[in-house]
Structure formats: structure tokens, C-alpha cells
Amino acid sequence: MASPITTTILALSLSLTLTLLTLVNAEAAGGFTVDLVHRDSSSSPFYDPLETPAQRIRNSLKRSFSRAQRFSAAMAAASSPTSADSPLAASDGEYLMNISLGTPPFPIVAIADTGSDLIWTQCKPCTNCYKQNAAVFSPNSSSTYKTVPCQSSACDSLQSEVGSYCSSNDGVCQYEASYGDQSHTKGDIAVETLTLGSTAGPRRHVAFPKMVIGCGHDNAGTFSPKGSGIVGLGGGSVSLVTQLGPHIGGKFSYCLVPSSAAAEATSTLSFGQSAVVSGNGVATTPLIPDPSQPTFYVVQLEAVSVGSKKIPFHGSTVGETSSGNIIVDSGTTLTLVPTDFFTQLSSAVESQVTGSNKTTDPQGYLSLCYVSGPKLKVPSITAHFKGADVALTVENVFIKVSDTVACLAFYGNDDVSIYGNVAQQNFRVGYDLQKHTLSFKPTDCTQKFF
């Protein structure tokens, strides 16, 4: 039986139809693809030309640690029904996507976040908004914006997911999300048309009416002025993926270009049939749903092999599941594992690396580092998920923290285990939420495959 939240979203989206502004309905229904822009790419509004590559890596690592803390807080909050904390990350996602809200479409640069659900942006009138470089969305300028009534079943059902509540002032259902770093967003729950720019074939746009969004009028804290919203791609009922529902068959995938790729190379995010990961070399593992943690995509990592040495993985379970022990997340740079496992892993890697001298991380974050260069030879490393062996390349295992230093892109963390985006680069990573599977296929993500 569907949950009340799912039922509510289906009811809100009953008239959701796939509308192509270029009148190619059939092709869009078969799937579509959008660009994902790394926040440190020259195409990103977050890009700072004065930053050195080492500074960008340092900031990325700091975001990884911050994100892990937020995930830990979110899981703790989920186990406490009286907590008002949200699993939403403030602004530490690594990839951005361009969306539009409203009619006519209003452009927004949003963080694409597999670790959160709610789609939200800053909205006029701003009672307390953080400084935003781009224009702020005005609901009054859209002919398709509609708030959700306070006394509706939708408002009641969304309480556990987005912290919705009834305001006695204007009868509009509102939401509030707060974070461990004291950032927060507050505003109205509404339905609105969301438009994505598809890159499949000639550029076209795909519009989705009556999407549930958060229209934030009070947002403050550590949010960057270069961004104007978040698109939640998690597993909860208000995420973009779940709301698209039958139109994409519960399927989405991404292909992340490696950090060494040319500046013009762009990662991609696909939906529907365009997102199917198939063919030779595909490794598929079960997604392990947990009602207490619907946002996170959790799998079971059984071991990691370094050369011929296989190291069993005994991470803590995520949520109330009995076997899910690691979150797959595109917004975290490093792969975070328990400290005892990390000690065994780094020792095994160190014993098999040849052709280069050990050195130190100039930033002091990572513990196993070498002088980078063509002479550096690292052992073969394979992640053994349940039913799926994923062979990693050097670029999945080591990250260049400076022009001359490469470090193991794993980090010991006992709070939560996360399979980060360095380990996922140059793979098509496909999510099938109907079959509850996660697939990996080695792919040159700098090449367009549609």
C-alpha cells in the first residue's frame, strides 16, 4: 500500500503531463538528459579564477567533511520524532544544474543533490534572504504558481518530510528546514511548473507542471550568493526523481567527468529510457530502501580488494536496515569509511604502490600521499558490492591535491560511510527505483553517449 506521503504527491501530480516546448512529446517521454556542471568548472557561477587547483581541492575536501556531519545529524534526527533538523544539505553539493520555474520560465542555478529531497529556491518577497547574485524568483510573475492550502491533506502529509506546518497568518502551508551550521530556509509550500533543458539531440526544453516546491522567503546562513536553490534528487516523496514518477519509470543516471578532464567537458544527468545502464561491463547491486531514511541511496559494500588482498567491509548499518552499510552520494568528494577499515585499506595500498616516494598532503587532510607522475604505479582496487564487483581506476582511488602530490581519496570516519563522487567518475551510475537497483558501467564520461 502506498504511504500517505506518496499518495499525496500522486494526488498533487495527477495532472502532471510531459509537455515539450518544442512539441516532441514522444521523444521526451522516452527519456531526456541535462547537463551537470561541477561547481569548480569554469562554466559554474561558483568558479573563482583566482583560486589555485590546490585551493579548489582543499575546499572540496572541507565540503566532504561538512557533508558527512550533516548526514550524521540527519540520521540522528530521523530517529527522534521531535527533532526539527532536516537532512537537506545547505550548499555543499558538488554539481549544479540549470532549471527554470514558473510561466514564463524563470532561470535558476540549483545544486543537484542526491542527499536531499526538497526542490526550493529563494522567493520574493524576502523577509530575510541571503544575498543572491542572480535575480530572485517572484511568484507574482508566474501564471502557474499556486500555494498549497494550510488545511489540506497535502500539508499534513508533508509534515514529516519537509517540516510543513500551518500558518495562522494567511492559511498557506509552510515549511522550515534547519541545519547543524545554523543555516535555515523557511517559506511556502507551492506547486509550480519546472522546466529542464534537455541536451538530447537539438537543444529543447521539457516542462513539468504542478511540481511541489519550497518557495523560501526567509533563508540565511552559509548559503552562497552564487546559487539560488537546491534540486533534491534523493529518494523521498518530494524529490525531483520521485515527483517525475511514471514519466521516467523511476530511472535516472549520471556520468561524472573526472577532475582531470578538459574544462569544457560536462557531466550529464539522464532520466527515463535515456538513463538505462545496460550492455557489457554493467555491475548491478540492490538498493536497500529504509522507511526511516527514504532520502539516502544505500547499498551493501561487502569488501574492497587491493591487488590480491581482500579486506572485508563492516561499516555500520544506515538507518534501520540490516544490511545497507554505505550511502552512495554524488555530492561528497571523498569515500568515507570506518577508521579501522581505512587503516587496513591504506596499509594494503601502501604495501603495493611502486615507482614513487611517499610525501605529505600540503593541506594536511589526507594521510597516504605520493609524488604524482607517470612513474607512480598503484595496485588494482575493486569495490565488492553485493552482487557487483566494480573495478576502480587510478583516478577513482587517488586525487591530486596539488600539481605534484596525489593522495588516497578515502578517509576514516566512524559516523557514516559514504561512497563519494571521485570513486564514481567515468562510470554511468544508474538508479532504478522501481527495481531497487544501482548499476555501474565503466564509461568515458567526456564523450556524449546519446
Protein backbone atom coordinates (compact mmCIF):
# COMPACT_ATOMS: atom_id res chain seq x y z
CA MET A 1 0.00 0.00 0.00
CA ALA A 2 1.34 3.45 -0.85
CA SER A 3 2.34 5.68 2.03
CA PRO A 4 0.24 8.80 2.81
CA ILE A 5 3.07 10.99 1.55
CA THR A 6 3.37 9.11 -1.72
CA THR A 7 -0.40 9.16 -2.16
CA THR A 8 -0.41 12.90 -1.56
CA ILE A 9 2.29 13.55 -4.11
CA LEU A 10 0.49 11.40 -6.66
CA ALA A 11 -2.68 13.36 -6.00
CA LEU A 12 -0.89 16.68 -6.33
CA SER A 13 0.69 15.47 -9.57
CA LEU A 14 -2.39 13.76 -11.01
CA SER A 15 -2.48 16.16 -13.94
CA LEU A 16 1.28 16.09 -14.42
CA THR A 17 1.87 15.69 -18.15
CA LEU A 18 5.05 15.76 -20.14
CA THR A 19 4.88 18.95 -22.18
CA LEU A 20 7.59 19.68 -24.69
CA LEU A 21 8.01 23.30 -25.63
CA THR A 22 9.33 22.03 -28.96
CA LEU A 23 6.38 19.65 -29.41
CA VAL A 24 8.32 16.38 -29.39
CA ASN A 25 6.31 14.59 -26.71
CA ALA A 26 7.13 11.02 -27.67
CA GLU A 27 10.89 11.51 -27.57
CA ALA A 28 10.84 13.22 -24.19
CA ALA A 29 8.63 10.50 -22.74
CA GLY A 30 11.32 8.06 -23.81
CA GLY A 31 13.93 9.89 -21.79
CA PHE A 32 15.98 13.07 -21.69
CA THR A 33 19.35 14.31 -20.50
CA VAL A 34 20.50 17.54 -18.85
CA ASP A 35 23.93 18.95 -18.09
CA LEU A 36 25.55 18.71 -14.68
CA VAL A 37 28.19 21.37 -14.06
CA HIS A 38 30.82 20.83 -11.39
CA ARG A 39 30.88 23.79 -9.05
CA ASP A 40 34.62 24.29 -9.74
CA SER A 41 34.18 24.21 -13.52
CA SER A 42 34.84 27.38 -15.50
CA SER A 43 31.17 27.13 -16.59
CA SER A 44 29.97 27.40 -13.00
CA PRO A 45 28.96 30.65 -11.27
CA PHE A 46 30.89 29.30 -8.26
CA TYR A 47 34.13 29.30 -10.28
CA ASP A 48 36.83 31.59 -8.91
CA PRO A 49 39.65 32.14 -11.43
CA LEU A 50 41.92 33.35 -8.62
CA GLU A 51 41.77 30.01 -6.82
CA THR A 52 44.55 27.53 -7.48
CA PRO A 53 43.74 23.87 -8.20
CA ALA A 54 45.07 23.03 -4.73
CA GLN A 55 42.70 25.53 -3.13
CA ARG A 56 39.76 24.05 -5.02
CA ILE A 57 40.67 20.56 -3.84
CA ARG A 58 41.08 21.80 -0.27
CA ASN A 59 37.64 23.40 -0.33
CA SER A 60 36.15 20.25 -1.85
CA LEU A 61 37.61 18.13 0.94
CA LYS A 62 36.25 20.50 3.57
CA ARG A 63 32.81 20.22 1.98
CA SER A 64 33.09 16.41 2.17
CA PHE A 65 33.72 16.52 5.91
CA SER A 66 30.91 19.03 6.45
CA ARG A 67 28.51 16.94 4.38
CA ALA A 68 29.31 13.81 6.38
CA GLN A 69 28.48 15.68 9.59
CA ARG A 70 25.15 16.81 8.14
CA PHE A 71 24.30 13.28 7.04
CA SER A 72 25.07 12.00 10.52
CA ALA A 73 22.87 14.69 12.05
CA ALA A 74 20.08 13.86 9.60
CA MET A 75 20.13 10.19 10.56
CA ALA A 76 20.09 11.08 14.23
CA ALA A 77 17.20 13.45 13.63
CA ALA A 78 15.23 10.74 11.83
CA SER A 79 15.38 8.57 14.92
CA SER A 80 13.97 11.40 17.04
CA PRO A 81 10.40 12.32 16.04
CA THR A 82 10.58 15.57 18.00
CA SER A 83 13.64 16.85 16.14
CA ALA A 84 13.23 19.71 13.67
CA ASP A 85 16.54 19.09 11.90
CA SER A 86 16.46 18.41 8.17
CA PRO A 87 18.54 16.01 6.07
CA LEU A 88 18.90 18.78 3.49
CA ALA A 89 22.47 19.97 2.93
CA ALA A 90 22.89 23.73 2.97
CA SER A 91 25.09 24.48 -0.06
CA ASP A 92 27.83 21.87 -0.17
CA GLY A 93 26.79 19.85 -3.21
CA GLU A 94 29.43 19.44 -5.91
CA TYR A 95 27.26 19.62 -9.04
CA LEU A 96 24.90 22.26 -10.39
CA MET A 97 22.04 22.13 -12.87
CA ASN A 98 20.10 24.81 -14.67
CA ILE A 99 16.35 24.70 -14.15
CA SER A 100 13.53 27.16 -14.67
CA LEU A 101 10.48 27.77 -12.52
CA GLY A 102 7.17 29.31 -13.45
CA THR A 103 5.38 30.57 -16.55
CA PRO A 104 7.15 32.25 -18.27
CA PRO A 105 10.21 30.19 -17.23
CA PHE A 106 12.49 31.93 -14.75
CA PRO A 107 16.11 30.60 -14.79
CA ILE A 108 17.66 29.26 -11.59
CA VAL A 109 21.12 27.80 -10.92
CA ALA A 110 20.47 24.99 -8.45
CA ILE A 111 22.63 22.49 -6.62
CA ALA A 112 21.80 18.95 -7.77
CA ASP A 113 21.78 16.97 -4.55
CA THR A 114 21.30 13.20 -4.22
CA GLY A 115 21.46 13.68 -0.44
CA SER A 116 18.27 15.74 -0.12
CA ASP A 117 14.69 15.81 -1.40
CA LEU A 118 13.05 19.23 -1.44
CA ILE A 119 13.24 21.46 -4.52
CA TRP A 120 13.48 25.02 -3.26
CA THR A 121 14.62 28.49 -4.22
CA GLN A 122 14.62 31.98 -2.73
CA CYS A 123 11.39 33.86 -3.40
CA LYS A 124 10.07 37.40 -3.30
CA PRO A 125 9.06 38.99 -1.05
CA CYS A 126 12.19 38.37 1.01
CA THR A 127 11.65 38.91 4.70
CA ASN A 128 15.19 37.70 5.40
CA CYS A 129 17.04 36.37 2.33
CA TYR A 130 20.75 35.82 1.91
CA LYS A 131 22.46 37.91 -0.75
CA GLN A 132 21.96 36.31 -4.16
CA ASN A 133 23.84 37.48 -7.25
CA ALA A 134 21.10 36.45 -9.69
CA ALA A 135 17.56 37.81 -9.65
CA VAL A 136 15.20 36.29 -7.09
CA PHE A 137 12.14 34.34 -8.25
CA SER A 138 8.86 36.28 -7.95
CA PRO A 139 5.75 34.07 -7.62
CA ASN A 140 3.56 37.01 -8.65
CA SER A 141 5.21 36.97 -12.08
CA SER A 142 4.20 33.38 -12.78
CA SER A 143 0.78 32.36 -14.05
CA THR A 144 1.22 28.76 -12.85
CA TYR A 145 2.34 29.33 -9.24
CA LYS A 146 -0.12 28.12 -6.60
CA THR A 147 0.40 27.76 -2.85
CA VAL A 148 -0.74 24.64 -1.00
CA PRO A 149 -3.59 25.40 1.45
CA CYS A 150 -2.75 25.11 5.11
CA GLN A 151 -5.71 22.90 5.94
CA SER A 152 -5.16 20.49 3.05
CA SER A 153 -4.25 16.84 3.47
CA ALA A 154 -1.13 17.61 1.45
CA CYS A 155 0.15 19.98 4.10
CA ASP A 156 -0.49 17.42 6.83
CA SER A 157 1.19 14.61 4.92
CA LEU A 158 4.32 16.62 4.14
CA GLN A 159 4.96 17.42 7.79
CA SER A 160 7.35 14.53 8.40
CA GLU A 161 9.22 15.07 5.14
CA VAL A 162 9.77 18.81 4.87
CA GLY A 163 8.70 20.08 8.27
CA SER A 164 5.49 21.62 6.94
CA TYR A 165 3.16 23.43 9.31
CA CYS A 166 0.07 25.61 9.27
CA SER A 167 0.42 29.37 9.49
CA SER A 168 -2.40 31.25 11.15
CA ASN A 169 -1.50 34.39 9.19
CA ASP A 170 -2.51 33.62 5.61
CA GLY A 171 -3.63 29.99 5.54
CA VAL A 172 -0.69 28.89 3.38
CA CYS A 173 1.15 25.65 4.13
CA GLN A 174 4.71 26.47 5.10
CA TYR A 175 7.97 24.60 5.58
CA GLU A 176 11.09 25.09 7.67
CA ALA A 177 14.45 23.35 7.35
CA SER A 178 17.40 24.00 9.65
CA TYR A 179 20.99 22.78 9.59
CA GLY A 180 23.76 21.98 12.01
CA ASP A 181 25.69 25.08 10.91
CA GLN A 182 22.74 27.30 11.90
CA SER A 183 21.65 27.87 8.29
CA HIS A 184 17.93 27.71 7.62
CA THR A 185 15.26 28.12 4.95
CA LYS A 186 11.61 28.94 5.60
CA GLY A 187 8.77 29.64 3.22
CA ASP A 188 5.65 28.46 1.44
CA ILE A 189 4.89 25.02 0.03
CA ALA A 190 3.61 25.50 -3.52
CA VAL A 191 3.07 23.75 -6.84
CA GLU A 192 4.74 25.22 -9.91
CA THR A 193 5.90 24.35 -13.42
CA LEU A 194 9.53 23.23 -13.52
CA THR A 195 11.40 23.28 -16.84
CA LEU A 196 14.60 21.40 -17.67
CA GLY A 197 16.82 21.99 -20.68
CA SER A 198 17.41 18.69 -22.48
CA THR A 199 20.67 18.06 -24.34
CA ALA A 200 19.41 15.02 -26.26
CA GLY A 201 19.51 15.88 -29.94
CA PRO A 202 18.79 19.52 -30.81
CA ARG A 203 18.52 21.54 -27.61
CA ARG A 204 14.97 21.59 -26.34
CA HIS A 205 13.15 22.13 -23.08
CA VAL A 206 10.98 19.77 -21.07
CA ALA A 207 8.32 21.27 -18.77
CA PHE A 208 6.67 19.52 -15.81
CA PRO A 209 3.56 21.21 -14.35
CA LYS A 210 2.43 21.09 -10.72
CA MET A 211 5.73 20.13 -9.11
CA VAL A 212 5.83 20.53 -5.32
CA ILE A 213 8.47 23.13 -4.39
CA GLY A 214 9.56 25.23 -1.45
CA CYS A 215 9.38 28.99 -2.01
CA GLY A 216 11.79 30.38 0.57
CA HIS A 217 11.12 33.86 1.98
CA ASP A 218 13.44 33.54 5.00
CA ASN A 219 16.80 31.96 4.18
CA ALA A 220 20.06 32.66 5.95
CA GLY A 221 23.36 31.14 6.99
CA THR A 222 26.17 29.71 4.88
CA PHE A 223 24.36 29.69 1.52
CA SER A 224 26.47 31.01 -1.35
CA PRO A 225 25.28 34.14 -3.21
CA LYS A 226 26.27 32.39 -6.45
CA GLY A 227 23.50 29.81 -6.17
CA SER A 228 19.75 30.29 -5.95
CA GLY A 229 18.31 26.94 -4.97
CA ILE A 230 18.59 23.20 -4.48
CA VAL A 231 17.12 20.37 -6.56
CA GLY A 232 16.71 17.34 -4.32
CA LEU A 233 17.42 14.08 -6.15
CA GLY A 234 17.02 11.83 -3.11
CA GLY A 235 14.51 9.04 -2.62
CA GLY A 236 11.92 10.98 -0.63
CA SER A 237 8.45 11.79 -1.97
CA VAL A 238 9.10 15.46 -2.78
CA SER A 239 12.36 14.92 -4.68
CA LEU A 240 12.53 15.68 -8.39
CA VAL A 241 13.04 12.00 -9.19
CA THR A 242 10.01 10.81 -7.21
CA GLN A 243 7.73 13.57 -8.47
CA LEU A 244 8.58 12.79 -12.09
CA GLY A 245 7.29 9.32 -11.19
CA PRO A 246 5.84 7.26 -14.06
CA HIS A 247 7.15 9.69 -16.68
CA ILE A 248 10.68 8.41 -16.10
CA GLY A 249 9.83 4.91 -14.88
CA GLY A 250 11.74 5.54 -11.66
CA LYS A 251 15.02 5.70 -13.59
CA PHE A 252 17.81 8.26 -13.55
CA SER A 253 21.55 8.11 -14.08
CA TYR A 254 24.57 10.38 -14.20
CA CYS A 255 28.01 10.27 -15.74
CA LEU A 256 30.60 12.37 -13.91
CA VAL A 257 33.66 13.55 -15.80
CA PRO A 258 36.96 13.17 -13.92
CA SER A 259 38.66 16.20 -12.44
CA SER A 260 41.48 15.78 -14.98
CA ALA A 261 39.07 16.25 -17.93
CA ALA A 262 39.22 19.31 -20.14
CA ALA A 263 37.44 22.37 -18.79
CA GLU A 264 34.75 22.19 -21.47
CA ALA A 265 33.79 18.58 -20.59
CA THR A 266 30.40 18.43 -18.88
CA SER A 267 28.85 15.77 -16.70
CA THR A 268 25.33 14.65 -17.54
CA LEU A 269 22.14 13.66 -15.72
CA SER A 270 19.62 11.47 -17.56
CA PHE A 271 16.03 10.44 -16.88
CA GLY A 272 13.74 7.70 -18.16
CA GLN A 273 14.86 5.45 -21.00
CA SER A 274 17.90 7.68 -21.57
CA ALA A 275 19.02 6.70 -18.08
CA VAL A 276 19.04 2.93 -18.62
CA VAL A 277 22.50 1.48 -17.96
CA SER A 278 22.94 -1.73 -19.94
CA GLY A 279 25.36 -3.73 -22.07
CA ASN A 280 28.73 -5.31 -21.43
CA GLY A 281 30.51 -4.45 -18.22
CA VAL A 282 27.47 -3.45 -16.15
CA ALA A 283 27.62 -4.35 -12.45
CA THR A 284 24.33 -4.16 -10.54
CA THR A 285 23.72 -4.20 -6.80
CA PRO A 286 20.47 -3.91 -4.80
CA LEU A 287 19.38 -0.56 -3.41
CA ILE A 288 18.25 -1.16 0.15
CA PRO A 289 15.25 1.08 0.95
CA ASP A 290 14.66 2.07 4.55
CA PRO A 291 11.43 3.87 5.56
CA SER A 292 13.32 5.70 8.31
CA GLN A 293 15.84 7.10 5.78
CA PRO A 294 13.99 7.47 2.45
CA THR A 295 16.29 10.23 1.21
CA PHE A 296 19.53 8.26 1.06
CA TYR A 297 20.55 5.70 -1.55
CA VAL A 298 22.01 2.86 0.49
CA VAL A 299 23.80 -0.28 -0.71
CA GLN A 300 25.81 -3.07 0.85
CA LEU A 301 29.59 -2.95 0.40
CA GLU A 302 30.99 -6.35 1.30
CA ALA A 303 34.72 -5.82 0.76
CA VAL A 304 37.43 -3.95 -1.12
CA SER A 305 40.28 -5.77 -2.86
CA VAL A 306 43.73 -4.24 -3.16
CA GLY A 307 45.57 -6.44 -5.61
CA SER A 308 45.04 -9.98 -4.29
CA LYS A 309 44.28 -8.82 -0.74
CA LYS A 310 40.54 -8.71 0.04
CA ILE A 311 39.54 -6.55 3.01
CA PRO A 312 36.05 -7.23 4.47
CA PHE A 313 33.93 -4.13 5.00
CA HIS A 314 31.99 -3.92 8.25
CA GLY A 315 30.52 -0.45 8.20
CA SER A 316 27.66 0.49 10.47
CA THR A 317 24.17 -0.05 9.12
CA VAL A 318 22.46 3.04 7.73
CA GLY A 319 19.11 3.72 9.36
CA GLU A 320 17.20 0.64 10.47
CA THR A 321 18.32 -1.63 7.64
CA SER A 322 20.05 -4.89 8.48
CA SER A 323 22.50 -4.92 5.56
CA GLY A 324 22.79 -1.46 3.99
CA ASN A 325 26.09 -0.01 5.17
CA ILE A 326 27.16 2.79 2.82
CA ILE A 327 25.42 5.77 1.19
CA VAL A 328 26.09 6.46 -2.50
CA ASP A 329 26.31 10.24 -2.88
CA SER A 330 27.31 12.44 -5.81
CA GLY A 331 27.76 15.48 -3.59
CA THR A 332 30.60 14.12 -1.45
CA THR A 333 34.10 14.15 -2.94
CA LEU A 334 35.85 11.51 -0.84
CA THR A 335 34.81 7.98 0.03
CA LEU A 336 34.32 7.89 3.81
CA VAL A 337 34.81 4.57 5.60
CA PRO A 338 35.23 3.44 9.24
CA THR A 339 38.67 4.24 10.62
CA ASP A 340 39.62 0.61 11.28
CA PHE A 341 38.78 -0.30 7.69
CA PHE A 342 40.65 2.75 6.41
CA THR A 343 43.74 1.69 8.34
CA GLN A 344 43.68 -1.74 6.68
CA LEU A 345 42.95 -0.27 3.25
CA SER A 346 45.69 2.35 3.33
CA SER A 347 48.19 -0.18 4.65
CA ALA A 348 47.39 -2.58 1.80
CA VAL A 349 47.65 0.20 -0.79
CA GLU A 350 50.93 1.47 0.64
CA SER A 351 52.46 -2.01 0.55
CA GLN A 352 51.73 -2.32 -3.18
CA VAL A 353 52.42 1.17 -4.56
CA THR A 354 55.64 1.40 -6.56
CA GLY A 355 57.61 3.94 -8.57
CA SER A 356 57.19 6.97 -6.34
CA ASN A 357 58.10 8.33 -2.94
CA LYS A 358 55.66 8.98 -0.14
CA THR A 359 55.02 12.59 0.71
CA THR A 360 52.53 14.63 2.72
CA ASP A 361 49.29 16.37 1.85
CA PRO A 362 50.16 20.11 1.71
CA GLN A 363 46.74 20.84 3.23
CA GLY A 364 47.11 18.23 5.96
CA TYR A 365 43.79 16.45 5.32
CA LEU A 366 44.73 13.14 3.69
CA SER A 367 47.21 10.68 5.15
CA LEU A 368 48.52 8.50 2.29
CA CYS A 369 50.13 10.63 -0.41
CA TYR A 370 52.76 10.21 -3.12
CA VAL A 371 54.70 12.35 -5.53
CA SER A 372 52.48 12.22 -8.62
CA GLY A 373 53.77 11.42 -12.07
CA PRO A 374 53.97 8.71 -14.73
CA LYS A 375 56.20 6.52 -12.55
CA LEU A 376 53.56 6.20 -9.83
CA LYS A 377 52.06 2.71 -10.07
CA VAL A 378 49.13 1.75 -7.88
CA PRO A 379 47.60 -1.70 -7.37
CA SER A 380 44.28 -2.74 -8.87
CA ILE A 381 41.45 -1.90 -6.49
CA THR A 382 37.91 -3.37 -6.67
CA ALA A 383 34.84 -2.43 -4.66
CA HIS A 384 32.80 -5.57 -3.97
CA PHE A 385 29.17 -4.58 -3.55
CA LYS A 386 26.53 -7.25 -3.03
CA GLY A 387 26.34 -9.00 -6.40
CA ALA A 388 28.52 -6.41 -8.13
CA ASP A 389 32.29 -6.08 -8.46
CA VAL A 390 33.32 -2.57 -9.53
CA ALA A 391 36.94 -2.25 -10.71
CA LEU A 392 38.29 1.22 -9.94
CA THR A 393 40.87 3.17 -11.92
CA VAL A 394 43.71 5.25 -10.54
CA GLU A 395 41.54 8.38 -10.91
CA ASN A 396 38.82 6.75 -8.77
CA VAL A 397 41.27 5.95 -5.99
CA PHE A 398 43.75 8.86 -5.92
CA ILE A 399 43.05 12.58 -6.02
CA LYS A 400 45.60 15.22 -6.97
CA VAL A 401 45.77 17.74 -4.15
CA SER A 402 48.50 19.77 -5.89
CA ASP A 403 50.47 19.71 -9.12
CA THR A 404 52.94 17.26 -7.62
CA VAL A 405 51.01 15.34 -4.93
CA ALA A 406 48.34 12.63 -5.25
CA CYS A 407 46.58 11.19 -2.18
CA LEU A 408 44.32 8.24 -1.48
CA ALA A 409 40.76 9.55 -1.91
CA PHE A 410 39.43 7.65 1.11
CA TYR A 411 39.06 8.99 4.63
CA GLY A 412 38.43 7.39 8.01
CA ASN A 413 35.09 8.41 9.50
CA ASP A 414 33.16 6.44 12.12
CA ASP A 415 29.88 8.38 11.93
CA VAL A 416 28.65 7.50 8.44
CA SER A 417 30.06 5.70 5.39
CA ILE A 418 29.72 7.43 2.00
CA TYR A 419 30.75 6.27 -1.47
CA GLY A 420 31.83 9.60 -2.93
CA ASN A 421 31.98 11.10 -6.39
CA VAL A 422 35.70 10.55 -7.08
CA ALA A 423 35.02 6.81 -6.93
CA GLN A 424 32.08 7.29 -9.34
CA GLN A 425 33.83 9.35 -12.02
CA ASN A 426 33.92 7.83 -15.52
CA PHE A 427 31.09 5.45 -14.64
CA ARG A 428 27.50 5.65 -15.76
CA VAL A 429 25.75 5.26 -12.43
CA GLY A 430 22.14 4.21 -12.92
CA TYR A 431 19.34 4.20 -10.35
CA ASP A 432 16.20 2.12 -10.92
CA LEU A 433 13.81 2.95 -8.10
CA GLN A 434 11.17 0.50 -9.30
CA LYS A 435 13.51 -2.48 -9.32
CA HIS A 436 15.53 -1.08 -6.39
CA THR A 437 18.87 -1.48 -8.14
CA LEU A 438 22.02 0.57 -8.64
CA SER A 439 24.22 -0.11 -11.67
CA PHE A 440 27.77 0.88 -12.60
CA LYS A 441 29.20 0.81 -16.11
CA PRO A 442 32.75 2.00 -16.95
CA THR A 443 32.29 4.88 -19.39
CA ASP A 444 34.29 7.75 -20.84
CA CYS A 445 32.03 10.46 -19.47
CA THR A 446 33.68 13.13 -21.63
CA GLN A 447 32.03 11.50 -24.66
CA LYS A 448 28.35 12.04 -25.36
CA PHE A 449 26.51 8.73 -25.45
CA PHE A 450 23.03 9.75 -26.58
